[in-house]
N, C-alpha and C. Protein backbone atom coordinates (compact mmCIF):
# COMPACT_ATOMS: atom_id res chain seq x y z
N MET A 1 -8.16 21.73 -32.52
CA MET A 1 -8.81 21.68 -31.18
C MET A 1 -8.23 22.81 -30.41
N SER A 2 -9.08 23.71 -29.73
CA SER A 2 -8.57 24.82 -29.04
C SER A 2 -7.99 24.40 -27.67
N PHE A 3 -7.24 25.36 -27.19
CA PHE A 3 -6.48 25.09 -26.00
C PHE A 3 -7.41 24.85 -24.81
N ILE A 4 -8.56 25.60 -24.67
CA ILE A 4 -9.59 25.56 -23.76
C ILE A 4 -10.09 24.15 -23.72
N LYS A 5 -10.37 23.52 -24.89
CA LYS A 5 -11.02 22.28 -24.97
C LYS A 5 -10.03 21.21 -24.51
N ARG A 6 -8.82 21.31 -24.94
CA ARG A 6 -7.72 20.37 -24.45
C ARG A 6 -7.54 20.41 -22.97
N LEU A 7 -7.52 21.61 -22.42
CA LEU A 7 -7.39 21.92 -20.95
C LEU A 7 -8.53 21.16 -20.26
N GLY A 8 -9.79 21.31 -20.77
CA GLY A 8 -10.94 20.67 -20.29
C GLY A 8 -10.78 19.08 -20.12
N PHE A 9 -10.31 18.45 -21.28
CA PHE A 9 -10.04 17.12 -21.26
C PHE A 9 -8.98 16.72 -20.28
N PHE A 10 -8.01 17.42 -20.25
CA PHE A 10 -6.88 17.07 -19.25
C PHE A 10 -7.39 17.16 -17.85
N LEU A 11 -8.14 18.25 -17.46
CA LEU A 11 -8.65 18.36 -16.13
C LEU A 11 -9.53 17.34 -15.72
N PHE A 12 -10.37 16.91 -16.81
CA PHE A 12 -11.38 15.81 -16.56
C PHE A 12 -10.65 14.42 -16.33
N GLY A 13 -9.67 14.11 -17.11
CA GLY A 13 -8.97 12.92 -16.86
C GLY A 13 -8.06 13.00 -15.58
N LEU A 14 -7.54 14.11 -15.24
CA LEU A 14 -6.81 14.26 -14.07
C LEU A 14 -7.65 14.09 -12.78
N SER A 15 -8.88 14.54 -12.79
CA SER A 15 -9.79 14.43 -11.72
C SER A 15 -10.23 12.85 -11.59
N ILE A 16 -10.39 12.21 -12.57
CA ILE A 16 -10.80 10.78 -12.53
C ILE A 16 -9.70 10.03 -12.04
N GLY A 17 -8.45 10.34 -12.39
CA GLY A 17 -7.28 9.56 -11.91
C GLY A 17 -7.05 9.83 -10.43
N ILE A 18 -7.30 11.18 -9.92
CA ILE A 18 -7.03 11.44 -8.54
C ILE A 18 -8.15 10.71 -7.71
N VAL A 19 -9.31 10.68 -8.15
CA VAL A 19 -10.33 9.96 -7.45
C VAL A 19 -10.04 8.48 -7.30
N PHE A 20 -9.59 7.84 -8.42
CA PHE A 20 -9.34 6.46 -8.47
C PHE A 20 -8.12 6.22 -7.54
N LEU A 21 -7.03 6.83 -7.65
CA LEU A 21 -5.99 6.76 -6.70
C LEU A 21 -6.32 6.91 -5.20
N ALA A 22 -7.17 8.01 -4.89
CA ALA A 22 -7.44 8.11 -3.47
C ALA A 22 -8.28 6.94 -2.96
N VAL A 23 -9.26 6.33 -3.76
CA VAL A 23 -9.97 5.23 -3.33
C VAL A 23 -9.05 3.98 -3.29
N PHE A 24 -8.19 3.80 -4.19
CA PHE A 24 -7.29 2.66 -4.26
C PHE A 24 -6.41 2.63 -3.05
N LEU A 25 -5.73 3.80 -2.71
CA LEU A 25 -4.88 3.86 -1.65
C LEU A 25 -5.60 3.70 -0.16
N LYS A 26 -6.74 4.32 -0.16
CA LYS A 26 -7.50 4.17 1.08
C LYS A 26 -7.86 2.72 1.33
N ASN A 27 -8.35 1.96 0.36
CA ASN A 27 -8.60 0.63 0.55
C ASN A 27 -7.45 -0.28 0.89
N LYS A 28 -6.25 0.03 0.16
CA LYS A 28 -5.08 -0.74 0.39
C LYS A 28 -4.52 -0.52 1.84
N ALA A 29 -4.68 0.74 2.37
CA ALA A 29 -4.25 1.11 3.78
C ALA A 29 -5.15 0.42 4.70
N GLU A 30 -6.38 0.35 4.47
CA GLU A 30 -7.31 -0.40 5.47
C GLU A 30 -7.08 -1.79 5.42
N GLU A 31 -6.82 -2.55 4.30
CA GLU A 31 -6.62 -3.92 4.25
C GLU A 31 -5.27 -4.26 4.95
N THR A 32 -4.23 -3.60 4.67
CA THR A 32 -2.96 -3.95 5.13
C THR A 32 -2.46 -3.25 6.56
N GLY A 33 -3.28 -2.33 6.92
CA GLY A 33 -2.88 -1.49 8.05
C GLY A 33 -1.66 -0.61 7.78
N THR A 34 -1.39 -0.17 6.60
CA THR A 34 -0.32 0.65 6.26
C THR A 34 -0.62 2.01 6.60
N GLU A 35 0.37 2.74 7.14
CA GLU A 35 0.27 4.19 7.40
C GLU A 35 1.37 5.00 6.50
N PHE A 36 0.87 6.05 6.20
CA PHE A 36 1.83 6.98 5.48
C PHE A 36 2.28 8.02 6.36
N CYS A 37 3.41 7.90 6.89
CA CYS A 37 4.00 8.92 7.79
C CYS A 37 5.08 9.64 7.18
N TYR A 38 4.86 10.98 6.90
CA TYR A 38 5.91 11.75 6.27
C TYR A 38 6.28 12.75 7.28
N PHE A 39 5.61 13.24 8.27
CA PHE A 39 6.09 14.18 9.31
C PHE A 39 6.84 13.56 10.34
N PRO A 40 7.80 14.35 10.95
CA PRO A 40 8.67 13.79 12.00
C PRO A 40 8.00 13.20 13.15
N ASN A 41 6.96 13.91 13.57
CA ASN A 41 6.12 13.35 14.85
C ASN A 41 5.61 12.05 14.46
N CYS A 42 4.86 11.89 13.33
CA CYS A 42 4.39 10.58 12.94
C CYS A 42 5.36 9.47 12.80
N ARG A 43 6.63 9.87 12.16
CA ARG A 43 7.67 8.86 12.09
C ARG A 43 8.29 8.36 13.37
N VAL A 44 8.40 9.27 14.31
CA VAL A 44 9.01 8.77 15.62
C VAL A 44 8.00 7.99 16.32
N LEU A 45 6.68 8.37 16.37
CA LEU A 45 5.76 7.58 17.06
C LEU A 45 5.60 6.18 16.47
N LYS A 46 5.62 6.16 15.16
CA LYS A 46 5.49 4.77 14.54
C LYS A 46 6.68 3.93 14.74
N ASP A 47 7.82 4.54 14.89
CA ASP A 47 9.09 3.81 15.21
C ASP A 47 8.98 3.23 16.59
N LEU A 48 8.51 4.12 17.61
CA LEU A 48 8.35 3.74 18.98
C LEU A 48 7.30 2.55 19.10
N ARG A 49 6.26 2.67 18.33
CA ARG A 49 5.18 1.63 18.45
C ARG A 49 5.69 0.27 17.93
N SER A 50 6.68 0.25 17.03
CA SER A 50 7.10 -1.00 16.41
C SER A 50 8.07 -1.78 17.25
N LYS A 51 8.57 -1.14 18.33
CA LYS A 51 9.62 -1.87 19.19
C LYS A 51 8.95 -2.43 20.51
N SER A 52 9.61 -3.44 21.10
CA SER A 52 9.11 -3.85 22.45
C SER A 52 9.66 -2.72 23.43
N TYR A 53 8.94 -2.80 24.63
CA TYR A 53 9.23 -1.70 25.63
C TYR A 53 9.30 -2.30 27.02
N SER A 54 9.94 -1.61 27.92
CA SER A 54 10.18 -1.87 29.24
C SER A 54 10.00 -0.65 30.12
N TYR A 55 9.59 -0.73 31.42
CA TYR A 55 9.37 0.32 32.25
C TYR A 55 10.59 0.45 33.12
N SER A 56 10.90 1.73 33.47
CA SER A 56 11.84 2.09 34.45
C SER A 56 11.23 1.80 35.93
N ASP A 57 12.07 1.85 36.92
CA ASP A 57 11.52 1.47 38.19
C ASP A 57 10.49 2.54 38.62
N GLU A 58 10.63 3.75 38.27
CA GLU A 58 9.71 4.82 38.68
C GLU A 58 8.37 4.51 38.09
N VAL A 59 8.29 4.23 36.69
CA VAL A 59 7.15 3.99 36.01
C VAL A 59 6.47 2.73 36.49
N THR A 60 7.15 1.75 36.89
CA THR A 60 6.58 0.49 37.36
C THR A 60 5.89 0.72 38.63
N LYS A 61 6.42 1.62 39.53
CA LYS A 61 5.67 2.02 40.81
C LYS A 61 4.56 2.68 40.45
N MET A 62 4.48 3.62 39.42
CA MET A 62 3.19 4.28 39.02
C MET A 62 2.26 3.37 38.64
N VAL A 63 2.51 2.39 37.98
CA VAL A 63 1.53 1.44 37.24
C VAL A 63 1.01 0.55 38.41
N GLN A 64 1.86 0.06 39.33
CA GLN A 64 1.49 -0.69 40.48
C GLN A 64 0.52 0.00 41.37
N THR A 65 0.76 1.34 41.67
CA THR A 65 -0.07 2.05 42.52
C THR A 65 -1.36 2.55 41.94
N GLY A 66 -1.46 2.42 40.59
CA GLY A 66 -2.72 2.81 39.98
C GLY A 66 -2.71 4.27 39.46
N GLU A 67 -1.54 4.97 39.49
CA GLU A 67 -1.59 6.39 39.01
C GLU A 67 -1.81 6.44 37.54
N ILE A 68 -1.34 5.42 36.78
CA ILE A 68 -1.49 5.40 35.43
C ILE A 68 -1.48 3.83 34.95
N ASP A 69 -2.22 3.60 33.95
CA ASP A 69 -2.26 2.13 33.49
C ASP A 69 -1.49 2.16 32.05
N SER A 70 -1.42 0.88 31.69
CA SER A 70 -0.70 0.58 30.37
C SER A 70 -1.41 1.07 29.21
N LEU A 71 -2.83 1.21 29.21
CA LEU A 71 -3.53 1.70 28.10
C LEU A 71 -3.31 3.23 27.98
N GLN A 72 -3.16 3.91 29.11
CA GLN A 72 -2.82 5.26 29.01
C GLN A 72 -1.49 5.52 28.50
N ILE A 73 -0.51 4.68 28.91
CA ILE A 73 0.85 4.87 28.36
C ILE A 73 0.90 4.47 26.85
N LYS A 74 0.07 3.47 26.37
CA LYS A 74 0.09 3.32 25.01
C LYS A 74 -0.66 4.43 24.12
N SER A 75 -1.52 5.06 24.78
CA SER A 75 -2.10 6.26 24.06
C SER A 75 -1.11 7.40 23.78
N PHE A 76 -0.01 7.50 24.54
CA PHE A 76 1.00 8.36 24.13
C PHE A 76 1.66 8.17 22.82
N PHE A 77 1.70 6.81 22.54
CA PHE A 77 2.34 6.40 21.17
C PHE A 77 1.46 6.50 19.97
N THR A 78 0.13 6.67 20.21
CA THR A 78 -0.84 6.81 19.08
C THR A 78 -1.30 8.27 18.96
N ASP A 79 -1.53 8.94 20.07
CA ASP A 79 -2.13 10.24 20.06
C ASP A 79 -1.21 11.36 20.48
N GLY A 80 0.07 11.11 20.93
CA GLY A 80 0.88 12.11 21.50
C GLY A 80 1.48 13.00 20.56
N GLU A 81 2.10 13.99 21.08
CA GLU A 81 2.94 14.95 20.25
C GLU A 81 4.33 15.02 20.71
N VAL A 82 5.32 14.71 19.91
CA VAL A 82 6.70 14.64 20.29
C VAL A 82 7.15 16.08 20.52
N ASP A 83 7.78 16.38 21.58
CA ASP A 83 8.34 17.73 21.88
C ASP A 83 9.81 17.79 21.57
N PHE A 84 10.08 18.13 20.36
CA PHE A 84 11.45 18.11 19.82
C PHE A 84 12.49 18.98 20.61
N LYS A 85 11.89 20.06 21.21
CA LYS A 85 12.68 21.02 21.79
C LYS A 85 13.31 20.39 23.18
N HIS A 86 12.57 19.45 23.83
CA HIS A 86 13.10 18.80 24.96
C HIS A 86 13.50 17.39 24.79
N SER A 87 13.65 17.03 23.48
CA SER A 87 14.13 15.69 23.22
C SER A 87 15.66 15.72 22.77
N ASP A 88 16.37 14.71 23.03
CA ASP A 88 17.76 14.51 22.68
C ASP A 88 17.84 13.74 21.45
N THR A 89 17.72 14.16 20.35
CA THR A 89 17.69 13.46 19.11
C THR A 89 19.10 13.16 18.47
N LYS A 90 20.08 13.73 19.05
CA LYS A 90 21.51 13.51 18.44
C LYS A 90 22.34 12.42 19.18
N SER A 91 21.97 12.03 20.34
CA SER A 91 22.70 11.05 21.02
C SER A 91 22.67 9.71 20.36
N THR A 92 23.85 8.97 20.56
CA THR A 92 23.87 7.52 19.94
C THR A 92 24.32 6.62 21.12
N PRO A 93 23.97 5.44 21.13
CA PRO A 93 22.96 4.79 20.25
C PRO A 93 21.55 5.02 20.57
N CYS A 94 21.19 5.46 21.75
CA CYS A 94 19.84 5.68 22.19
C CYS A 94 19.40 7.11 22.20
N LYS A 95 18.32 7.35 21.59
CA LYS A 95 17.87 8.81 21.54
C LYS A 95 16.78 8.90 22.62
N THR A 96 16.55 10.15 23.15
CA THR A 96 15.58 10.34 24.20
C THR A 96 14.50 11.29 23.60
N TYR A 97 13.40 10.95 23.82
CA TYR A 97 12.11 11.82 23.36
C TYR A 97 11.25 12.12 24.44
N ALA A 98 10.68 13.31 24.30
CA ALA A 98 9.60 13.76 25.32
C ALA A 98 8.35 13.72 24.55
N ILE A 99 7.27 13.05 24.94
CA ILE A 99 6.03 13.00 24.30
C ILE A 99 4.95 13.52 25.24
N GLU A 100 4.22 14.56 24.67
CA GLU A 100 3.10 15.15 25.51
C GLU A 100 1.78 14.66 24.91
N HIS A 101 0.90 14.47 25.92
CA HIS A 101 -0.40 13.91 25.58
C HIS A 101 -1.42 14.36 26.74
N GLU A 102 -2.65 14.74 26.29
CA GLU A 102 -3.60 15.02 27.37
C GLU A 102 -4.43 13.77 27.49
N LEU A 103 -4.43 13.32 28.73
CA LEU A 103 -5.24 12.09 29.10
C LEU A 103 -6.65 12.42 29.24
N LYS A 104 -7.49 11.34 29.33
CA LYS A 104 -9.00 11.50 29.31
C LYS A 104 -9.46 12.42 30.60
N SER A 105 -8.66 12.31 31.66
CA SER A 105 -8.95 13.11 32.83
C SER A 105 -8.70 14.58 32.61
N GLY A 106 -8.12 14.98 31.55
CA GLY A 106 -7.89 16.37 31.18
C GLY A 106 -6.59 16.84 31.64
N THR A 107 -5.65 16.04 32.18
CA THR A 107 -4.41 16.47 32.56
C THR A 107 -3.33 16.29 31.44
N LEU A 108 -2.45 17.19 31.29
CA LEU A 108 -1.40 17.07 30.24
C LEU A 108 -0.17 16.53 30.88
N LYS A 109 0.22 15.34 30.31
CA LYS A 109 1.27 14.59 30.96
C LYS A 109 2.37 14.54 29.84
N THR A 110 3.66 14.40 30.28
CA THR A 110 4.81 14.20 29.44
C THR A 110 5.46 12.94 29.78
N LEU A 111 5.62 12.15 28.76
CA LEU A 111 6.31 10.76 28.77
C LEU A 111 7.75 10.95 28.26
N THR A 112 8.77 10.42 29.01
CA THR A 112 10.09 10.46 28.53
C THR A 112 10.53 9.01 28.20
N VAL A 113 11.02 8.95 26.94
CA VAL A 113 11.27 7.67 26.43
C VAL A 113 12.63 7.54 25.87
N THR A 114 13.31 6.50 26.09
CA THR A 114 14.63 6.24 25.50
C THR A 114 14.52 5.28 24.42
N ASN A 115 14.92 5.65 23.21
CA ASN A 115 14.69 4.85 21.97
C ASN A 115 16.00 4.28 21.59
N CYS A 116 16.14 2.99 21.96
CA CYS A 116 17.45 2.25 21.48
C CYS A 116 17.14 1.40 20.20
N PRO A 117 18.10 0.94 19.62
CA PRO A 117 17.86 0.22 18.24
C PRO A 117 16.94 -0.85 18.30
N THR A 118 16.91 -1.68 19.40
CA THR A 118 16.06 -2.91 19.47
C THR A 118 14.79 -2.68 20.37
N LYS A 119 14.86 -1.73 21.33
CA LYS A 119 13.69 -1.64 22.31
C LYS A 119 13.69 -0.32 22.90
N ILE A 120 12.55 0.05 23.43
CA ILE A 120 12.42 1.36 24.07
C ILE A 120 12.30 1.12 25.68
N ILE A 121 12.71 2.14 26.41
CA ILE A 121 12.63 2.23 27.77
C ILE A 121 11.73 3.35 28.20
N ILE A 122 10.64 3.20 28.87
CA ILE A 122 9.80 4.34 29.39
C ILE A 122 10.20 4.77 30.68
N GLU A 123 11.02 5.98 30.67
CA GLU A 123 11.75 6.46 31.80
C GLU A 123 10.88 7.06 33.00
N ASN A 124 10.10 8.02 32.51
CA ASN A 124 9.18 8.67 33.56
C ASN A 124 8.08 9.37 32.94
N ILE A 125 7.04 9.71 33.74
CA ILE A 125 5.81 10.28 33.32
C ILE A 125 5.54 11.48 34.25
N LYS A 126 5.49 12.66 33.79
CA LYS A 126 5.24 13.91 34.61
C LYS A 126 4.07 14.65 34.22
């Protein structure tokens, strides 16, 4: 059997395996709600979403006056981008992250969050 023929069989089997694996993993992720987060931005946002949260006094006033609502705040944790240059990722036990997100109104806002081991505190929104 020539090398070209063996290479053709190998590539054919490899392509079938990749298609099967992609379909299998996609179905499994949809059923269980599993996310595959490998990049730092995705990992930080997933960690923040998994914890209970509380507002600082400043953010509580903003929510009460109607400047921002809780759904807009939650959108930071799903669609936001973590600004690691302005974040303090070395402090212990609580790290501070700056998350940027463009709201539906078209304004770019920055949310500052303190990430402690058991909960997060939303400090301010600028």
